[in-house]
Amino acid sequence: MKVSDSPSGVQPVSKTAVGVTNSGQSAITFAGAPVFVTLVWKVIGTAVRALATSKLCTLALSILISMAIYAVSEAQGENARDKLAGFTYAFINSFAIAATVPGIESAVTLP
């Protein structure tokens, strides 16, 4: 369809185009992931005392959770460039998640 063939003169946008920042990944990452990582870290720390204060444990959990969110929210039919951009975005988000965990932990202390 040409632009001139469309009634409004504007060509329709493809429905398969997906941006790097998709709402599903962002909503889960920013709202729930830091709380989930903190909760899992506290449970692991209760079971294995050496990991209770390990910042490396929080980073590993954050990367694991971010990659799981990426895998679940990845759009079907994306090309390699879009997949790489989404993976990079998720990987960078994992550091933001890891950085928020100490703040959540200091605000909510478990007995």
PDB file of N, CA and C in Angstrom:
ATOM      1  N   MET A   1       0.836  -1.166   0.000  1.00  0.00           N
ATOM      2  CA  MET A   1       0.000   0.000   0.000  1.00  0.00           C
ATOM      3  C   MET A   1       0.888   1.239   0.000  1.00  0.00           C
ATOM      4  N   LYS A   2       0.633   2.141  -0.892  1.00  0.00           N
ATOM      5  CA  LYS A   2       1.371   3.395  -0.964  1.00  0.00           C
ATOM      6  C   LYS A   2       0.734   4.391  -0.007  1.00  0.00           C
ATOM      7  N   VAL A   3       1.511   5.394   0.376  1.00  0.00           N
ATOM      8  CA  VAL A   3       0.990   6.430   1.254  1.00  0.00           C
ATOM      9  C   VAL A   3      -0.206   7.105   0.614  1.00  0.00           C
ATOM     10  N   SER A   4      -0.135   7.305  -0.678  1.00  0.00           N
ATOM     11  CA  SER A   4      -1.235   7.992  -1.366  1.00  0.00           C
ATOM     12  C   SER A   4      -2.492   7.121  -1.449  1.00  0.00           C
ATOM     13  N   ASP A   5      -2.366   5.775  -1.319  1.00  0.00           N
ATOM     14  CA  ASP A   5      -3.510   4.877  -1.378  1.00  0.00           C
ATOM     15  C   ASP A   5      -4.310   4.851  -0.072  1.00  0.00           C
ATOM     16  N   SER A   6      -3.693   5.224   1.016  1.00  0.00           N
ATOM     17  CA  SER A   6      -4.364   5.188   2.311  1.00  0.00           C
ATOM     18  C   SER A   6      -5.340   6.353   2.419  1.00  0.00           C
ATOM     19  N   PRO A   7      -6.517   6.143   3.046  1.00  0.00           N
ATOM     20  CA  PRO A   7      -7.511   7.205   3.150  1.00  0.00           C
ATOM     21  C   PRO A   7      -6.980   8.460   3.852  1.00  0.00           C
ATOM     22  N   SER A   8      -6.150   8.294   4.885  1.00  0.00           N
ATOM     23  CA  SER A   8      -5.649   9.454   5.615  1.00  0.00           C
ATOM     24  C   SER A   8      -4.333   9.963   5.051  1.00  0.00           C
ATOM     25  N   GLY A   9      -3.766   9.256   4.101  1.00  0.00           N
ATOM     26  CA  GLY A   9      -2.488   9.658   3.533  1.00  0.00           C
ATOM     27  C   GLY A   9      -1.291   9.167   4.340  1.00  0.00           C
ATOM     28  N   VAL A  10      -1.542   8.412   5.422  1.00  0.00           N
ATOM     29  CA  VAL A  10      -0.470   7.899   6.273  1.00  0.00           C
ATOM     30  C   VAL A  10      -0.441   6.386   6.159  1.00  0.00           C
ATOM     31  N   GLN A  11       0.753   5.862   5.980  1.00  0.00           N
ATOM     32  CA  GLN A  11       0.902   4.414   5.847  1.00  0.00           C
ATOM     33  C   GLN A  11       0.797   3.759   7.220  1.00  0.00           C
ATOM     34  N   PRO A  12       0.049   2.643   7.343  1.00  0.00           N
ATOM     35  CA  PRO A  12      -0.099   1.980   8.634  1.00  0.00           C
ATOM     36  C   PRO A  12       1.229   1.424   9.144  1.00  0.00           C
ATOM     37  N   VAL A  13       1.383   1.402  10.452  1.00  0.00           N
ATOM     38  CA  VAL A  13       2.589   0.889  11.097  1.00  0.00           C
ATOM     39  C   VAL A  13       2.474  -0.617  11.238  1.00  0.00           C
ATOM     40  N   SER A  14       3.576  -1.308  11.048  1.00  0.00           N
ATOM     41  CA  SER A  14       3.602  -2.760  11.187  1.00  0.00           C
ATOM     42  C   SER A  14       3.312  -3.143  12.631  1.00  0.00           C
ATOM     43  N   LYS A  15       2.476  -4.142  12.840  1.00  0.00           N
ATOM     44  CA  LYS A  15       2.114  -4.612  14.176  1.00  0.00           C
ATOM     45  C   LYS A  15       3.202  -5.490  14.791  1.00  0.00           C
ATOM     46  N   THR A  16       4.181  -5.926  13.999  1.00  0.00           N
ATOM     47  CA  THR A  16       5.218  -6.803  14.529  1.00  0.00           C
ATOM     48  C   THR A  16       6.411  -6.027  15.065  1.00  0.00           C
ATOM     49  N   ALA A  17       6.459  -4.723  14.871  1.00  0.00           N
ATOM     50  CA  ALA A  17       7.572  -3.923  15.370  1.00  0.00           C
ATOM     51  C   ALA A  17       7.476  -3.796  16.879  1.00  0.00           C
ATOM     52  N   VAL A  18       8.580  -4.108  17.571  1.00  0.00           N
ATOM     53  CA  VAL A  18       8.624  -4.026  19.022  1.00  0.00           C
ATOM     54  C   VAL A  18       9.880  -3.277  19.416  1.00  0.00           C
ATOM     55  N   GLY A  19       9.751  -2.324  20.315  1.00  0.00           N
ATOM     56  CA  GLY A  19      10.902  -1.576  20.784  1.00  0.00           C
ATOM     57  C   GLY A  19      11.671  -2.341  21.842  1.00  0.00           C
ATOM     58  N   VAL A  20      12.855  -1.856  22.160  1.00  0.00           N
ATOM     59  CA  VAL A  20      13.689  -2.500  23.166  1.00  0.00           C
ATOM     60  C   VAL A  20      13.032  -2.420  24.537  1.00  0.00           C
ATOM     61  N   THR A  21      12.472  -1.279  24.877  1.00  0.00           N
ATOM     62  CA  THR A  21      11.825  -1.111  26.168  1.00  0.00           C
ATOM     63  C   THR A  21      10.370  -1.478  26.023  1.00  0.00           C
ATOM     64  N   ASN A  22      10.028  -2.706  26.331  1.00  0.00           N
ATOM     65  CA  ASN A  22       8.626  -3.082  26.252  1.00  0.00           C
ATOM     66  C   ASN A  22       7.999  -2.981  27.637  1.00  0.00           C
ATOM     67  N   SER A  23       6.735  -2.718  27.665  1.00  0.00           N
ATOM     68  CA  SER A  23       6.063  -2.427  28.930  1.00  0.00           C
ATOM     69  C   SER A  23       6.052  -3.617  29.879  1.00  0.00           C
ATOM     70  N   GLY A  24       5.923  -4.814  29.357  1.00  0.00           N
ATOM     71  CA  GLY A  24       5.911  -5.996  30.227  1.00  0.00           C
ATOM     72  C   GLY A  24       7.220  -6.169  30.968  1.00  0.00           C
ATOM     73  N   GLN A  25       8.325  -6.073  30.248  1.00  0.00           N
ATOM     74  CA  GLN A  25       9.638  -6.226  30.868  1.00  0.00           C
ATOM     75  C   GLN A  25       9.890  -5.111  31.874  1.00  0.00           C
ATOM     76  N   SER A  26       9.535  -3.892  31.528  1.00  0.00           N
ATOM     77  CA  SER A  26       9.768  -2.756  32.425  1.00  0.00           C
ATOM     78  C   SER A  26       8.919  -2.848  33.680  1.00  0.00           C
ATOM     79  N   ALA A  27       7.663  -3.193  33.536  1.00  0.00           N
ATOM     80  CA  ALA A  27       6.771  -3.261  34.694  1.00  0.00           C
ATOM     81  C   ALA A  27       7.242  -4.304  35.696  1.00  0.00           C
ATOM     82  N   ILE A  28       7.636  -5.459  35.203  1.00  0.00           N
ATOM     83  CA  ILE A  28       8.102  -6.518  36.092  1.00  0.00           C
ATOM     84  C   ILE A  28       9.448  -6.150  36.696  1.00  0.00           C
ATOM     85  N   THR A  29      10.337  -5.602  35.875  1.00  0.00           N
ATOM     86  CA  THR A  29      11.681  -5.279  36.347  1.00  0.00           C
ATOM     87  C   THR A  29      11.656  -4.211  37.424  1.00  0.00           C
ATOM     88  N   PHE A  30      10.961  -3.114  37.184  1.00  0.00           N
ATOM     89  CA  PHE A  30      11.020  -1.994  38.110  1.00  0.00           C
ATOM     90  C   PHE A  30      10.153  -2.193  39.340  1.00  0.00           C
ATOM     91  N   ALA A  31       9.080  -2.916  39.229  1.00  0.00           N
ATOM     92  CA  ALA A  31       8.168  -3.060  40.368  1.00  0.00           C
ATOM     93  C   ALA A  31       8.467  -4.297  41.214  1.00  0.00           C
ATOM     94  N   GLY A  32       8.606  -5.431  40.599  1.00  0.00           N
ATOM     95  CA  GLY A  32       8.667  -6.670  41.358  1.00  0.00           C
ATOM     96  C   GLY A  32      10.019  -7.321  41.520  1.00  0.00           C
ATOM     97  N   ALA A  33      10.900  -7.140  40.567  1.00  0.00           N
ATOM     98  CA  ALA A  33      12.165  -7.873  40.595  1.00  0.00           C
ATOM     99  C   ALA A  33      13.036  -7.548  41.819  1.00  0.00           C
ATOM    100  N   PRO A  34      13.215  -6.274  42.193  1.00  0.00           N
ATOM    101  CA  PRO A  34      14.043  -6.016  43.382  1.00  0.00           C
ATOM    102  C   PRO A  34      13.474  -6.638  44.663  1.00  0.00           C
ATOM    103  N   VAL A  35      12.169  -6.604  44.795  1.00  0.00           N
ATOM    104  CA  VAL A  35      11.540  -7.209  45.972  1.00  0.00           C
ATOM    105  C   VAL A  35      11.740  -8.726  45.942  1.00  0.00           C
ATOM    106  N   PHE A  36      11.568  -9.318  44.776  1.00  0.00           N
ATOM    107  CA  PHE A  36      11.741 -10.765  44.642  1.00  0.00           C
ATOM    108  C   PHE A  36      13.182 -11.172  44.951  1.00  0.00           C
ATOM    109  N   VAL A  37      14.156 -10.425  44.415  1.00  0.00           N
ATOM    110  CA  VAL A  37      15.570 -10.738  44.676  1.00  0.00           C
ATOM    111  C   VAL A  37      15.867 -10.608  46.169  1.00  0.00           C
ATOM    112  N   THR A  38      15.347  -9.564  46.805  1.00  0.00           N
ATOM    113  CA  THR A  38      15.562  -9.376  48.247  1.00  0.00           C
ATOM    114  C   THR A  38      14.983 -10.541  49.037  1.00  0.00           C
ATOM    115  N   LEU A  39      13.780 -10.951  48.689  1.00  0.00           N
ATOM    116  CA  LEU A  39      13.134 -12.057  49.381  1.00  0.00           C
ATOM    117  C   LEU A  39      13.924 -13.353  49.222  1.00  0.00           C
ATOM    118  N   VAL A  40      14.316 -13.675  47.996  1.00  0.00           N
ATOM    119  CA  VAL A  40      15.075 -14.902  47.746  1.00  0.00           C
ATOM    120  C   VAL A  40      16.424 -14.846  48.454  1.00  0.00           C
ATOM    121  N   TRP A  41      17.069 -13.679  48.421  1.00  0.00           N
ATOM    122  CA  TRP A  41      18.365 -13.503  49.084  1.00  0.00           C
ATOM    123  C   TRP A  41      18.239 -13.739  50.588  1.00  0.00           C
ATOM    124  N   LYS A  42      17.174 -13.227  51.200  1.00  0.00           N
ATOM    125  CA  LYS A  42      16.966 -13.414  52.634  1.00  0.00           C
ATOM    126  C   LYS A  42      16.724 -14.889  52.971  1.00  0.00           C
ATOM    127  N   VAL A  43      15.972 -15.578  52.142  1.00  0.00           N
ATOM    128  CA  VAL A  43      15.711 -17.004  52.380  1.00  0.00           C
ATOM    129  C   VAL A  43      17.005 -17.803  52.229  1.00  0.00           C
ATOM    130  N   ILE A  44      17.764 -17.519  51.185  1.00  0.00           N
ATOM    131  CA  ILE A  44      19.045 -18.211  50.995  1.00  0.00           C
ATOM    132  C   ILE A  44      19.992 -17.890  52.152  1.00  0.00           C
ATOM    133  N   GLY A  45      20.001 -16.609  52.580  1.00  0.00           N
ATOM    134  CA  GLY A  45      20.859 -16.202  53.686  1.00  0.00           C
ATOM    135  C   GLY A  45      20.500 -16.863  54.999  1.00  0.00           C
ATOM    136  N   THR A  46      19.222 -17.171  55.168  1.00  0.00           N
ATOM    137  CA  THR A  46      18.787 -17.884  56.370  1.00  0.00           C
ATOM    138  C   THR A  46      19.261 -19.336  56.330  1.00  0.00           C
ATOM    139  N   ALA A  47      19.232 -19.916  55.156  1.00  0.00           N
ATOM    140  CA  ALA A  47      19.662 -21.304  55.001  1.00  0.00           C
ATOM    141  C   ALA A  47      21.182 -21.442  55.023  1.00  0.00           C
ATOM    142  N   VAL A  48      21.883 -20.490  54.378  1.00  0.00           N
ATOM    143  CA  VAL A  48      23.347 -20.529  54.301  1.00  0.00           C
ATOM    144  C   VAL A  48      23.862 -19.186  54.820  1.00  0.00           C
ATOM    145  N   ARG A  49      24.285 -19.151  56.071  1.00  0.00           N
ATOM    146  CA  ARG A  49      24.679 -17.898  56.729  1.00  0.00           C
ATOM    147  C   ARG A  49      25.774 -17.135  55.966  1.00  0.00           C
ATOM    148  N   ALA A  50      26.664 -17.820  55.288  1.00  0.00           N
ATOM    149  CA  ALA A  50      27.750 -17.158  54.561  1.00  0.00           C
ATOM    150  C   ALA A  50      27.220 -16.276  53.430  1.00  0.00           C
ATOM    151  N   LEU A  51      26.048 -16.598  52.905  1.00  0.00           N
ATOM    152  CA  LEU A  51      25.473 -15.825  51.797  1.00  0.00           C
ATOM    153  C   LEU A  51      24.554 -14.706  52.278  1.00  0.00           C
ATOM    154  N   ALA A  52      24.324 -14.616  53.583  1.00  0.00           N
ATOM    155  CA  ALA A  52      23.399 -13.618  54.128  1.00  0.00           C
ATOM    156  C   ALA A  52      23.864 -12.192  53.882  1.00  0.00           C
ATOM    157  N   THR A  53      25.153 -11.974  53.789  1.00  0.00           N
ATOM    158  CA  THR A  53      25.687 -10.631  53.561  1.00  0.00           C
ATOM    159  C   THR A  53      26.432 -10.521  52.235  1.00  0.00           C
ATOM    160  N   SER A  54      26.323 -11.511  51.407  1.00  0.00           N
ATOM    161  CA  SER A  54      27.060 -11.545  50.144  1.00  0.00           C
ATOM    162  C   SER A  54      26.424 -10.650  49.080  1.00  0.00           C
ATOM    163  N   LYS A  55      27.150  -9.623  48.679  1.00  0.00           N
ATOM    164  CA  LYS A  55      26.676  -8.741  47.599  1.00  0.00           C
ATOM    165  C   LYS A  55      26.769  -9.463  46.256  1.00  0.00           C
ATOM    166  N   LEU A  56      27.707 -10.390  46.152  1.00  0.00           N
ATOM    167  CA  LEU A  56      27.833 -11.181  44.923  1.00  0.00           C
ATOM    168  C   LEU A  56      26.602 -12.055  44.715  1.00  0.00           C
ATOM    169  N   CYS A  57      26.036 -12.535  45.808  1.00  0.00           N
ATOM    170  CA  CYS A  57      24.810 -13.336  45.728  1.00  0.00           C
ATOM    171  C   CYS A  57      23.665 -12.496  45.162  1.00  0.00           C
ATOM    172  N   THR A  58      23.548 -11.244  45.623  1.00  0.00           N
ATOM    173  CA  THR A  58      22.479 -10.379  45.101  1.00  0.00           C
ATOM    174  C   THR A  58      22.682 -10.079  43.623  1.00  0.00           C
ATOM    175  N   LEU A  59      23.938  -9.894  43.217  1.00  0.00           N
ATOM    176  CA  LEU A  59      24.207  -9.641  41.801  1.00  0.00           C
ATOM    177  C   LEU A  59      23.864 -10.860  40.954  1.00  0.00           C
ATOM    178  N   ALA A  60      24.257 -12.041  41.419  1.00  0.00           N
ATOM    179  CA  ALA A  60      23.957 -13.267  40.676  1.00  0.00           C
ATOM    180  C   ALA A  60      22.448 -13.493  40.569  1.00  0.00           C
ATOM    181  N   LEU A  61      21.730 -13.277  41.677  1.00  0.00           N
ATOM    182  CA  LEU A  61      20.268 -13.422  41.641  1.00  0.00           C
ATOM    183  C   LEU A  61      19.634 -12.389  40.707  1.00  0.00           C
ATOM    184  N   SER A  62      20.149 -11.171  40.725  1.00  0.00           N
ATOM    185  CA  SER A  62      19.619 -10.108  39.863  1.00  0.00           C
ATOM    186  C   SER A  62      19.805 -10.442  38.391  1.00  0.00           C
ATOM    187  N   ILE A  63      20.984 -10.943  38.047  1.00  0.00           N
ATOM    188  CA  ILE A  63      21.231 -11.337  36.648  1.00  0.00           C
ATOM    189  C   ILE A  63      20.322 -12.494  36.262  1.00  0.00           C
ATOM    190  N   LEU A  64      20.183 -13.468  37.137  1.00  0.00           N
ATOM    191  CA  LEU A  64      19.322 -14.616  36.864  1.00  0.00           C
ATOM    192  C   LEU A  64      17.875 -14.183  36.650  1.00  0.00           C
ATOM    193  N   ILE A  65      17.365 -13.327  37.516  1.00  0.00           N
ATOM    194  CA  ILE A  65      15.988 -12.859  37.408  1.00  0.00           C
ATOM    195  C   ILE A  65      15.809 -12.006  36.156  1.00  0.00           C
ATOM    196  N   SER A  66      16.768 -11.131  35.863  1.00  0.00           N
ATOM    197  CA  SER A  66      16.673 -10.294  34.656  1.00  0.00           C
ATOM    198  C   SER A  66      16.642 -11.124  33.379  1.00  0.00           C
ATOM    199  N   MET A  67      17.463 -12.157  33.339  1.00  0.00           N
ATOM    200  CA  MET A  67      17.482 -13.006  32.149  1.00  0.00           C
ATOM    201  C   MET A  67      16.184 -13.809  32.030  1.00  0.00           C
ATOM    202  N   ALA A  68      15.620 -14.203  33.164  1.00  0.00           N
ATOM    203  CA  ALA A  68      14.328 -14.902  33.133  1.00  0.00           C
ATOM    204  C   ALA A  68      13.227 -13.969  32.626  1.00  0.00           C
ATOM    205  N   ILE A  69      13.235 -12.716  33.092  1.00  0.00           N
ATOM    206  CA  ILE A  69      12.255 -11.737  32.618  1.00  0.00           C
ATOM    207  C   ILE A  69      12.430 -11.499  31.125  1.00  0.00           C
ATOM    208  N   TYR A  70      13.675 -11.395  30.672  1.00  0.00           N
ATOM    209  CA  TYR A  70      13.943 -11.205  29.245  1.00  0.00           C
ATOM    210  C   TYR A  70      13.407 -12.388  28.434  1.00  0.00           C
ATOM    211  N   ALA A  71      13.669 -13.594  28.912  1.00  0.00           N
ATOM    212  CA  ALA A  71      13.238 -14.785  28.177  1.00  0.00           C
ATOM    213  C   ALA A  71      11.714 -14.842  28.065  1.00  0.00           C
ATOM    214  N   VAL A  72      11.029 -14.462  29.135  1.00  0.00           N
ATOM    215  CA  VAL A  72       9.568 -14.511  29.132  1.00  0.00           C
ATOM    216  C   VAL A  72       8.968 -13.397  28.273  1.00  0.00           C
ATOM    217  N   SER A  73       9.606 -12.225  28.279  1.00  0.00           N
ATOM    218  CA  SER A  73       9.020 -11.077  27.577  1.00  0.00           C
ATOM    219  C   SER A  73       9.550 -10.880  26.158  1.00  0.00           C
ATOM    220  N   GLU A  74      10.427 -11.761  25.699  1.00  0.00           N
ATOM    221  CA  GLU A  74      10.973 -11.640  24.349  1.00  0.00           C
ATOM    222  C   GLU A  74       9.866 -11.830  23.313  1.00  0.00           C
ATOM    223  N   ALA A  75       9.787 -10.898  22.382  1.00  0.00           N
ATOM    224  CA  ALA A  75       8.766 -10.969  21.335  1.00  0.00           C
ATOM    225  C   ALA A  75       9.173 -11.980  20.269  1.00  0.00           C
ATOM    226  N   GLN A  76       8.201 -12.697  19.770  1.00  0.00           N
ATOM    227  CA  GLN A  76       8.457 -13.672  18.716  1.00  0.00           C
ATOM    228  C   GLN A  76       8.685 -12.942  17.400  1.00  0.00           C
ATOM    229  N   GLY A  77       9.577 -13.445  16.596  1.00  0.00           N
ATOM    230  CA  GLY A  77       9.823 -12.879  15.278  1.00  0.00           C
ATOM    231  C   GLY A  77      10.805 -11.722  15.261  1.00  0.00           C
ATOM    232  N   GLU A  78      11.485 -11.482  16.374  1.00  0.00           N
ATOM    233  CA  GLU A  78      12.471 -10.403  16.400  1.00  0.00           C
ATOM    234  C   GLU A  78      13.714 -10.825  15.627  1.00  0.00           C
ATOM    235  N   ASN A  79      14.366  -9.853  15.018  1.00  0.00           N
ATOM    236  CA  ASN A  79      15.618 -10.160  14.333  1.00  0.00           C
ATOM    237  C   ASN A  79      16.758 -10.165  15.353  1.00  0.00           C
ATOM    238  N   ALA A  80      17.938 -10.539  14.929  1.00  0.00           N
ATOM    239  CA  ALA A  80      19.080 -10.689  15.838  1.00  0.00           C
ATOM    240  C   ALA A  80      19.445  -9.364  16.504  1.00  0.00           C
ATOM    241  N   ARG A  81      19.330  -8.276  15.787  1.00  0.00           N
ATOM    242  CA  ARG A  81      19.665  -6.956  16.340  1.00  0.00           C
ATOM    243  C   ARG A  81      18.717  -6.604  17.498  1.00  0.00           C
ATOM    244  N   ASP A  82      17.427  -6.839  17.309  1.00  0.00           N
ATOM    245  CA  ASP A  82      16.450  -6.552  18.356  1.00  0.00           C
ATOM    246  C   ASP A  82      16.648  -7.459  19.568  1.00  0.00           C
ATOM    247  N   LYS A  83      16.984  -8.731  19.323  1.00  0.00           N
ATOM    248  CA  LYS A  83      17.239  -9.655  20.424  1.00  0.00           C
ATOM    249  C   LYS A  83      18.460  -9.232  21.229  1.00  0.00           C
ATOM    250  N   LEU A  84      19.513  -8.803  20.533  1.00  0.00           N
ATOM    251  CA  LEU A  84      20.717  -8.344  21.215  1.00  0.00           C
ATOM    252  C   LEU A  84      20.435  -7.084  22.033  1.00  0.00           C
ATOM    253  N   ALA A  85      19.663  -6.175  21.469  1.00  0.00           N
ATOM    254  CA  ALA A  85      19.308  -4.949  22.188  1.00  0.00           C
ATOM    255  C   ALA A  85      18.475  -5.274  23.429  1.00  0.00           C
ATOM    256  N   GLY A  86      17.516  -6.178  23.312  1.00  0.00           N
ATOM    257  CA  GLY A  86      16.698  -6.584  24.451  1.00  0.00           C
ATOM    258  C   GLY A  86      17.513  -7.280  25.525  1.00  0.00           C
ATOM    259  N   PHE A  87      18.436  -8.141  25.095  1.00  0.00           N
ATOM    260  CA  PHE A  87      19.315  -8.832  26.042  1.00  0.00           C
ATOM    261  C   PHE A  87      20.201  -7.832  26.779  1.00  0.00           C
ATOM    262  N   THR A  88      20.763  -6.872  26.042  1.00  0.00           N
ATOM    263  CA  THR A  88      21.619  -5.851  26.643  1.00  0.00           C
ATOM    264  C   THR A  88      20.835  -5.024  27.654  1.00  0.00           C
ATOM    265  N   TYR A  89      19.629  -4.641  27.285  1.00  0.00           N
ATOM    266  CA  TYR A  89      18.761  -3.879  28.179  1.00  0.00           C
ATOM    267  C   TYR A  89      18.486  -4.673  29.463  1.00  0.00           C
ATOM    268  N   ALA A  90      18.184  -5.945  29.330  1.00  0.00           N
ATOM    269  CA  ALA A  90      17.917  -6.788  30.498  1.00  0.00           C
ATOM    270  C   ALA A  90      19.160  -6.947  31.362  1.00  0.00           C
ATOM    271  N   PHE A  91      20.318  -7.094  30.725  1.00  0.00           N
ATOM    272  CA  PHE A  91      21.568  -7.254  31.473  1.00  0.00           C
ATOM    273  C   PHE A  91      21.896  -5.989  32.261  1.00  0.00           C
ATOM    274  N   ILE A  92      21.721  -4.836  31.645  1.00  0.00           N
ATOM    275  CA  ILE A  92      21.961  -3.565  32.337  1.00  0.00           C
ATOM    276  C   ILE A  92      20.955  -3.393  33.473  1.00  0.00           C
ATOM    277  N   ASN A  93      19.716  -3.773  33.247  1.00  0.00           N
ATOM    278  CA  ASN A  93      18.697  -3.698  34.304  1.00  0.00           C
ATOM    279  C   ASN A  93      19.062  -4.557  35.509  1.00  0.00           C
ATOM    280  N   SER A  94      19.778  -5.647  35.285  1.00  0.00           N
ATOM    281  CA  SER A  94      20.142  -6.514  36.401  1.00  0.00           C
ATOM    282  C   SER A  94      21.025  -5.775  37.406  1.00  0.00           C
ATOM    283  N   PHE A  95      21.847  -4.853  36.929  1.00  0.00           N
ATOM    284  CA  PHE A  95      22.684  -4.076  37.840  1.00  0.00           C
ATOM    285  C   PHE A  95      21.842  -3.057  38.611  1.00  0.00           C
ATOM    286  N   ALA A  96      20.828  -2.515  37.973  1.00  0.00           N
ATOM    287  CA  ALA A  96      19.917  -1.600  38.668  1.00  0.00           C
ATOM    288  C   ALA A  96      19.144  -2.354  39.747  1.00  0.00           C
ATOM    289  N   ILE A  97      18.741  -3.570  39.440  1.00  0.00           N
ATOM    290  CA  ILE A  97      18.041  -4.392  40.433  1.00  0.00           C
ATOM    291  C   ILE A  97      18.974  -4.681  41.607  1.00  0.00           C
ATOM    292  N   ALA A  98      20.207  -5.086  41.310  1.00  0.00           N
ATOM    293  CA  ALA A  98      21.172  -5.395  42.370  1.00  0.00           C
ATOM    294  C   ALA A  98      21.458  -4.164  43.229  1.00  0.00           C
ATOM    295  N   ALA A  99      21.446  -2.990  42.633  1.00  0.00           N
ATOM    296  CA  ALA A  99      21.717  -1.761  43.382  1.00  0.00           C
ATOM    297  C   ALA A  99      20.571  -1.382  44.310  1.00  0.00           C
ATOM    298  N   THR A 100      19.345  -1.789  43.999  1.00  0.00           N
ATOM    299  CA  THR A 100      18.206  -1.437  44.848  1.00  0.00           C
ATOM    300  C   THR A 100      18.014  -2.388  46.022  1.00  0.00           C
ATOM    301  N   VAL A 101      18.561  -3.574  45.934  1.00  0.00           N
ATOM    302  CA  VAL A 101      18.360  -4.577  46.984  1.00  0.00           C
ATOM    303  C   VAL A 101      18.844  -4.099  48.357  1.00  0.00           C
ATOM    304  N   PRO A 102      20.039  -3.507  48.487  1.00  0.00           N
ATOM    305  CA  PRO A 102      20.453  -3.044  49.826  1.00  0.00           C
ATOM    306  C   PRO A 102      19.510  -1.996  50.415  1.00  0.00           C
ATOM    307  N   GLY A 103      18.929  -1.154  49.582  1.00  0.00           N
ATOM    308  CA  GLY A 103      17.974  -0.155  50.073  1.00  0.00           C
ATOM    309  C   GLY A 103      16.705  -0.789  50.588  1.00  0.00           C
ATOM    310  N   ILE A 104      16.212  -1.782  49.877  1.00  0.00           N
ATOM    311  CA  ILE A 104      15.006  -2.496  50.324  1.00  0.00           C
ATOM    312  C   ILE A 104      15.313  -3.240  51.610  1.00  0.00           C
ATOM    313  N   GLU A 105      16.485  -3.865  51.658  1.00  0.00           N
ATOM    314  CA  GLU A 105      16.853  -4.638  52.835  1.00  0.00           C
ATOM    315  C   GLU A 105      16.972  -3.749  54.068  1.00  0.00           C
ATOM    316  N   SER A 106      17.516  -2.536  53.915  1.00  0.00           N
ATOM    317  CA  SER A 106      17.666  -1.657  55.070  1.00  0.00           C
ATOM    318  C   SER A 106      16.321  -1.071  55.513  1.00  0.00           C
ATOM    319  N   ALA A 107      15.384  -0.953  54.603  1.00  0.00           N
ATOM    320  CA  ALA A 107      14.063  -0.415  54.949  1.00  0.00           C
ATOM    321  C   ALA A 107      13.183  -1.460  55.619  1.00  0.00           C
ATOM    322  N   VAL A 108      13.351  -2.717  55.235  1.00  0.00           N
ATOM    323  CA  VAL A 108      12.536  -3.802  55.785  1.00  0.00           C
ATOM    324  C   VAL A 108      13.489  -4.858  56.358  1.00  0.00           C
ATOM    325  N   THR A 109      13.537  -4.934  57.648  1.00  0.00           N
ATOM    326  CA  THR A 109      14.396  -5.945  58.272  1.00  0.00           C
ATOM    327  C   THR A 109      13.541  -7.091  58.780  1.00  0.00           C
ATOM    328  N   LEU A 110      13.948  -8.273  58.442  1.00  0.00           N
ATOM    329  CA  LEU A 110      13.212  -9.459  58.887  1.00  0.00           C
ATOM    330  C   LEU A 110      13.767  -9.916  60.242  1.00  0.00           C
ATOM    331  N   PRO A 111      12.920 -10.401  61.116  1.00  0.00           N
ATOM    332  CA  PRO A 111      13.381 -10.821  62.446  1.00  0.00           C
ATOM    333  C   PRO A 111      14.283 -12.040  62.393  1.00  0.00           C
TER     334      PRO A 111
END
